[in-house]
C-alpha cells in the first residue's frame, strides 16, 4: 500500500491529510507555512509539528510516503516553491508537487478536467480551467477592488446598507448590532472605526448579518442575496470563457468552496439560482468541495504518471 500527503496551506492555518491509494486516513491542522505570513523558521516548526501529529496518529513512517502535494496561494512568488519543498522534504519522503490552492480545489471536484470554481471565505475569487489545464480568473482582486460575497465584502456592504437605511428611514438593526459588537459609544465612533487606519476586520461582522437576515431583517437579507448573485455572475462569466477557449463536447461543471458558500445558505442559494437562470442544465456540484481531496489526487497522479 502506498501513502500520500495532501496540504491546503492558507495564510493562518495549514490543513494536512494522509491518504492511501483510495481514501483519507488521518487529518490534522497546524499553523501557516506560507512565505510573507511567517518566517522560514516558524514555517519549518509548524510543518514539523503538523507532521509529528500525523505520524503519531497514523503510526506511518512519513519517510515512506510516495508523494505529497501542497496547494497554496502565491505560487508565483519565487520563494514559495523552494521554501515549501525544503521544509517538507525534511519531514517526509517521496515526490513533491507545489501548485495553486485553486487548482487543488478544482481537482477535488473535477480531477484533471475542465471546470469552474467559486471560492468565498474571508476573501473571494472565481477560477476556470480548460481541459488543457489553462487557468483563468474572474474577480479575486482583493478587498478594496473586488471580492464579492466574501466575509469582508459582506461586512462592508452591510455597513453601507445600514447607513443608507438610516438616511432613508428604513428599519434595520445592522447599525445597532455593530455599535454593540465594536463596543462603540456612539454612531459617530462607528464611522471613526470603519474609516480608521488600519481598518477593522470587517469579515467579523458577517455572522451578525447572517443572524439578522435569519430574524427577518430585510436590509441584511438583501446584502447576502446580492453577494450570492454577484459571485454567481462571476461563475457564469468564467464558464463562458472556458467554453470559448475549450469548446469540447462536455460542458465544464461549476463547484464551490470556502466558509461563506459552505455555511451561509442564503448566499449559496442566491449564487446557484443566478447560475441556473443563465445556464440551465449546467452541472453545479451540490456540496462544498474539500481541497485536500484534490491535493491527494495530485499526489497520487505524481506517482502514477
Protein backbone atom coordinates (compact mmCIF):
# COMPACT_ATOMS: atom_id res chain seq x y z
CA UNK A 1 0.00 0.00 0.00
CA UNK A 2 1.28 3.46 -0.89
CA UNK A 3 0.83 6.56 1.26
CA UNK A 4 0.34 10.17 0.17
CA UNK A 5 0.22 13.60 1.83
CA UNK A 6 -2.02 16.47 0.79
CA UNK A 7 -1.79 20.03 2.12
CA UNK A 8 -4.05 23.07 1.90
CA UNK A 9 -1.70 25.85 3.04
CA UNK A 10 -3.55 29.01 3.99
CA UNK A 11 -2.44 32.29 5.48
CA UNK A 12 -3.49 31.44 9.04
CA UNK A 13 -3.51 27.64 9.07
CA UNK A 14 -2.36 24.57 7.19
CA UNK A 15 -4.61 21.54 6.77
CA UNK A 16 -2.94 18.22 6.06
CA UNK A 17 -4.21 14.74 5.28
CA UNK A 18 -2.50 11.38 5.00
CA UNK A 19 -4.15 9.07 2.49
CA UNK A 20 -3.61 5.76 0.79
CA UNK A 21 -4.46 4.84 -2.80
CA UNK A 22 -8.18 5.49 -2.33
CA UNK A 23 -9.08 7.32 0.89
CA UNK A 24 -8.08 9.77 3.62
CA UNK A 25 -6.69 8.10 6.73
CA UNK A 26 -5.74 11.00 9.03
CA UNK A 27 -6.35 14.75 9.08
CA UNK A 28 -4.55 17.40 11.10
CA UNK A 29 -4.42 21.19 11.24
CA UNK A 30 -1.47 23.39 12.19
CA UNK A 31 -0.01 26.83 11.74
CA UNK A 32 0.76 28.60 8.48
CA UNK A 33 3.74 27.61 6.32
CA UNK A 34 3.34 30.44 3.79
CA UNK A 35 6.11 32.93 2.93
CA UNK A 36 5.23 36.55 3.76
CA UNK A 37 2.95 35.31 6.57
CA UNK A 38 5.52 33.60 8.79
CA UNK A 39 9.31 33.33 8.94
CA UNK A 40 11.10 30.35 7.46
CA UNK A 41 11.89 29.09 10.96
CA UNK A 42 8.25 29.34 12.03
CA UNK A 43 7.08 27.62 8.85
CA UNK A 44 9.59 24.81 9.41
CA UNK A 45 8.47 24.38 13.01
CA UNK A 46 4.79 24.43 12.03
CA UNK A 47 5.39 21.76 9.39
CA UNK A 48 7.32 19.60 11.81
CA UNK A 49 4.60 19.86 14.49
CA UNK A 50 1.87 19.11 11.96
CA UNK A 51 3.59 16.02 10.57
CA UNK A 52 4.59 14.79 14.01
CA UNK A 53 0.87 14.76 14.82
CA UNK A 54 0.03 12.91 11.60
CA UNK A 55 2.77 10.37 12.22
CA UNK A 56 1.71 9.82 15.84
CA UNK A 57 -1.97 9.36 14.94
CA UNK A 58 -1.35 7.08 11.96
CA UNK A 59 1.71 5.11 13.00
CA UNK A 60 3.02 5.59 9.45
CA UNK A 61 6.69 6.49 8.93
CA UNK A 62 6.35 9.55 6.70
CA UNK A 63 9.69 8.79 5.10
CA UNK A 64 7.78 6.04 3.28
CA UNK A 65 5.33 8.50 1.68
CA UNK A 66 5.29 8.09 -2.11
CA UNK A 67 4.33 11.68 -2.97
CA UNK A 68 2.95 14.89 -1.48
CA UNK A 69 1.10 17.88 -2.90
CA UNK A 70 0.91 21.34 -1.31
CA UNK A 71 -1.77 23.70 -2.59
CA UNK A 72 -1.26 27.34 -1.66
CA UNK A 73 -1.75 30.89 -2.84
CA UNK A 74 1.29 32.82 -4.04
CA UNK A 75 2.89 30.05 -6.08
CA UNK A 76 4.14 32.72 -8.50
CA UNK A 77 6.41 34.11 -5.79
CA UNK A 78 9.91 32.75 -6.44
CA UNK A 79 10.48 31.80 -2.81
CA UNK A 80 7.29 29.78 -2.36
CA UNK A 81 8.24 26.64 -4.27
CA UNK A 82 11.74 26.26 -2.84
CA UNK A 83 10.62 27.19 0.67
CA UNK A 84 7.88 24.57 0.81
CA UNK A 85 9.97 21.83 -0.78
CA UNK A 86 12.70 22.41 1.78
CA UNK A 87 10.50 22.28 4.87
CA UNK A 88 8.52 19.27 3.62
CA UNK A 89 11.47 17.21 2.40
CA UNK A 90 13.00 17.49 5.87
CA UNK A 91 9.97 15.66 7.30
CA UNK A 92 8.64 13.33 4.59
CA UNK A 93 9.89 11.27 1.67
CA UNK A 94 8.69 10.94 -1.91
CA UNK A 95 7.94 13.30 -4.77
CA UNK A 96 6.68 16.82 -4.04
CA UNK A 97 4.16 18.80 -6.11
CA UNK A 98 3.55 22.52 -5.42
CA UNK A 99 0.52 24.18 -7.04
CA UNK A 100 -2.16 26.82 -6.51
CA UNK A 101 -4.83 26.36 -3.88
CA UNK A 102 -7.48 26.97 -6.53
CA UNK A 103 -6.08 24.07 -8.58
CA UNK A 104 -6.40 21.53 -5.78
CA UNK A 105 -9.95 22.72 -5.11
CA UNK A 106 -10.78 22.29 -8.81
CA UNK A 107 -9.24 18.81 -8.75
CA UNK A 108 -11.39 17.90 -5.76
CA UNK A 109 -14.46 18.46 -7.95
CA UNK A 110 -13.15 17.79 -11.46
CA UNK A 111 -9.89 15.79 -11.27
CA UNK A 112 -7.67 16.98 -14.13
CA UNK A 113 -10.70 18.18 -16.09
CA UNK A 114 -12.20 21.47 -17.24
CA UNK A 115 -14.31 23.23 -14.64
CA UNK A 116 -15.21 26.39 -12.76
CA UNK A 117 -14.73 27.02 -9.06
CA UNK A 118 -16.19 29.81 -6.93
CA UNK A 119 -14.40 30.50 -3.65
CA UNK A 120 -15.76 32.73 -0.88
CA UNK A 121 -14.37 32.89 2.62
CA UNK A 122 -12.60 35.88 4.15
CA UNK A 123 -11.86 36.84 0.51
CA UNK A 124 -13.32 35.56 -2.76
CA UNK A 125 -12.30 34.53 -6.26
CA UNK A 126 -13.64 32.55 -9.21
CA UNK A 127 -11.39 30.46 -11.44
CA UNK A 128 -11.87 28.42 -14.58
CA UNK A 129 -9.74 25.71 -16.15
CA UNK A 130 -9.77 24.30 -19.66
CA UNK A 131 -9.29 20.63 -20.47
CA UNK A 132 -5.71 21.52 -21.44
CA UNK A 133 -5.00 22.98 -17.99
CA UNK A 134 -5.08 26.70 -18.87
CA UNK A 135 -6.33 28.76 -15.92
CA UNK A 136 -8.34 31.98 -15.89
CA UNK A 137 -9.66 34.24 -13.14
CA UNK A 138 -12.80 36.32 -12.71
CA UNK A 139 -12.76 38.52 -9.61
CA UNK A 140 -10.34 37.97 -6.78
CA UNK A 141 -8.84 41.46 -6.98
CA UNK A 142 -8.68 41.92 -3.22
CA UNK A 143 -10.82 43.57 -0.56
CA UNK A 144 -10.58 47.12 -1.85
CA UNK A 145 -11.28 46.32 -5.50
CA UNK A 146 -13.36 43.16 -5.92
CA UNK A 147 -14.08 40.28 -3.56
CA UNK A 148 -17.84 39.90 -3.82
CA UNK A 149 -19.60 37.55 -1.37
CA UNK A 150 -16.54 37.30 0.86
CA UNK A 151 -16.80 37.82 4.61
CA UNK A 152 -15.05 41.16 4.20
CA UNK A 153 -17.44 42.24 1.43
CA UNK A 154 -20.50 41.26 3.49
CA UNK A 155 -19.27 43.32 6.44
CA UNK A 156 -18.51 46.42 4.36
CA UNK A 157 -21.69 46.23 2.28
CA UNK A 158 -23.84 45.69 5.37
CA UNK A 159 -22.42 48.83 6.97
CA UNK A 160 -23.05 50.80 3.80
CA UNK A 161 -26.57 49.41 3.59
CA UNK A 162 -27.13 50.22 7.25
CA UNK A 163 -26.19 53.87 6.82
CA UNK A 164 -28.27 54.13 3.67
CA UNK A 165 -31.22 52.68 5.58
CA UNK A 166 -30.62 55.29 8.29
CA UNK A 167 -30.70 58.09 5.71
CA UNK A 168 -33.86 56.70 4.08
CA UNK A 169 -35.55 55.83 7.39
CA UNK A 170 -35.74 52.13 6.52
CA UNK A 171 -35.88 49.81 9.53
CA UNK A 172 -32.83 47.63 10.20
CA UNK A 173 -30.84 46.60 13.27
CA UNK A 174 -27.48 46.50 11.48
CA UNK A 175 -26.02 49.67 12.98
CA UNK A 176 -27.38 48.86 16.42
CA UNK A 177 -25.66 45.48 16.38
CA UNK A 178 -22.39 46.89 15.01
CA UNK A 179 -22.32 49.51 17.79
CA UNK A 180 -22.70 46.67 20.27
CA UNK A 181 -20.08 44.44 18.59
CA UNK A 182 -17.47 47.18 18.33
CA UNK A 183 -18.29 48.49 21.85
CA UNK A 184 -18.71 51.91 20.25
CA UNK A 185 -20.20 54.63 22.48
CA UNK A 186 -21.96 56.28 19.55
CA UNK A 187 -22.74 56.06 15.85
CA UNK A 188 -20.04 58.65 15.23
CA UNK A 189 -17.49 56.28 16.72
CA UNK A 190 -18.65 53.54 14.34
CA UNK A 191 -17.82 55.93 11.50
CA UNK A 192 -14.38 56.58 13.01
CA UNK A 193 -13.65 52.87 13.47
CA UNK A 194 -14.83 51.95 9.97
CA UNK A 195 -12.67 54.66 8.39
CA UNK A 196 -9.68 54.09 10.65
CA UNK A 197 -6.12 53.16 9.70
CA UNK A 198 -5.57 50.30 9.90
CA UNK A 199 -9.19 49.35 9.16
CA UNK A 200 -11.09 46.88 11.32
CA UNK A 201 -11.63 43.26 10.28
CA UNK A 202 -14.95 43.74 8.51
CA UNK A 203 -15.31 39.99 7.94
CA UNK A 204 -16.03 39.61 11.68
CA UNK A 205 -19.37 41.37 11.06
CA UNK A 206 -20.64 38.70 8.66
CA UNK A 207 -22.10 36.38 11.37
CA UNK A 208 -24.12 39.33 12.68
CA UNK A 209 -25.56 39.98 9.23
CA UNK A 210 -26.44 36.31 8.79
CA UNK A 211 -28.17 36.30 12.17
CA UNK A 212 -30.14 39.46 11.37
CA UNK A 213 -31.20 38.09 7.98
CA UNK A 214 -32.47 34.96 9.72
CA UNK A 215 -34.51 37.16 12.03
CA UNK A 216 -36.20 38.85 9.08
CA UNK A 217 -34.08 41.98 8.70
CA UNK A 218 -34.76 42.87 5.05
CA UNK A 219 -31.67 45.06 4.65
CA UNK A 220 -29.34 42.34 5.93
CA UNK A 221 -31.04 39.79 3.68
CA UNK A 222 -30.54 41.97 0.61
CA UNK A 223 -26.80 42.14 1.28
CA UNK A 224 -26.47 38.35 1.41
CA UNK A 225 -28.62 37.80 -1.67
CA UNK A 226 -26.63 40.42 -3.60
CA UNK A 227 -23.35 38.75 -2.67
CA UNK A 228 -24.58 35.40 -3.96
CA UNK A 229 -25.87 36.97 -7.17
CA UNK A 230 -22.57 38.73 -7.88
CA UNK A 231 -20.36 35.70 -7.35
CA UNK A 232 -22.86 33.68 -9.38
CA UNK A 233 -22.38 36.15 -12.25
CA UNK A 234 -18.61 35.65 -11.94
CA UNK A 235 -19.10 31.89 -12.22
CA UNK A 236 -21.20 32.40 -15.35
CA UNK A 237 -18.53 34.58 -16.93
CA UNK A 238 -15.80 32.06 -16.07
CA UNK A 239 -17.93 29.26 -17.56
CA UNK A 240 -18.43 31.17 -20.80
CA UNK A 241 -14.74 31.99 -21.09
CA UNK A 242 -13.74 28.36 -20.54
CA UNK A 243 -16.21 27.28 -23.22
CA UNK A 244 -14.83 29.88 -25.64
CA UNK A 245 -11.28 28.62 -25.11
CA UNK A 246 -12.19 24.94 -24.93
CA UNK A 247 -15.33 24.15 -26.95
CA UNK A 248 -15.31 20.44 -26.11
CA UNK A 249 -18.49 18.36 -26.21
CA UNK A 250 -18.52 18.02 -22.40
CA UNK A 251 -19.64 21.16 -20.59
CA UNK A 252 -17.49 22.17 -17.64
CA UNK A 253 -19.23 21.92 -14.28
CA UNK A 254 -19.28 24.53 -11.51
CA UNK A 255 -18.17 23.85 -7.93
CA UNK A 256 -17.68 25.99 -4.84
CA UNK A 257 -15.63 26.11 -1.66
CA UNK A 258 -14.95 28.45 1.25
CA UNK A 259 -16.65 29.12 4.57
CA UNK A 260 -19.18 31.66 3.26
CA UNK A 261 -20.53 29.48 0.44
CA UNK A 262 -20.33 26.35 2.56
CA UNK A 263 -22.08 27.71 5.67
CA UNK A 264 -24.38 30.55 4.58
CA UNK A 265 -27.30 29.04 2.72
CA UNK A 266 -28.75 32.38 1.55
CA UNK A 267 -25.53 33.32 -0.28
CA UNK A 268 -25.08 29.83 -1.73
CA UNK A 269 -28.68 29.55 -2.94
CA UNK A 270 -28.59 33.03 -4.47
CA UNK A 271 -25.42 32.06 -6.35
CA UNK A 272 -26.94 28.80 -7.59
CA UNK A 273 -30.21 30.47 -8.65
CA UNK A 274 -28.25 33.07 -10.63
CA UNK A 275 -26.22 30.37 -12.40
CA UNK A 276 -29.23 28.19 -13.19
CA UNK A 277 -31.13 31.13 -14.67
CA UNK A 278 -28.30 31.92 -17.10
CA UNK A 279 -27.03 28.37 -17.68
CA UNK A 280 -29.98 25.99 -17.41
CA UNK A 281 -28.90 22.39 -17.16
CA UNK A 282 -25.30 23.10 -16.15
CA UNK A 283 -23.83 20.78 -13.51
CA UNK A 284 -23.43 22.53 -10.14
CA UNK A 285 -21.74 20.37 -7.52
CA UNK A 286 -24.26 20.49 -4.62
CA UNK A 287 -21.82 20.42 -1.70
CA UNK A 288 -18.67 22.42 -0.96
CA UNK A 289 -15.59 20.65 -2.28
CA UNK A 290 -12.74 19.62 0.01
CA UNK A 291 -9.44 20.95 -1.41
CA UNK A 292 -7.49 18.27 0.47
CA UNK A 293 -9.10 15.64 -1.76
CA UNK A 294 -7.68 17.47 -4.76
CA UNK A 295 -4.22 17.70 -3.20
CA UNK A 296 -4.21 13.96 -2.56
CA UNK A 297 -5.39 13.29 -6.13
CA UNK A 298 -2.45 15.33 -7.44
CA UNK A 299 -0.03 13.48 -5.17
CA UNK A 300 -1.30 10.14 -6.45
CA UNK A 301 -1.00 11.32 -10.05
CA UNK A 302 2.64 12.25 -9.46
CA UNK A 303 3.39 8.58 -8.92
CA UNK A 304 1.01 7.17 -11.50
CA UNK A 305 2.34 9.49 -14.17
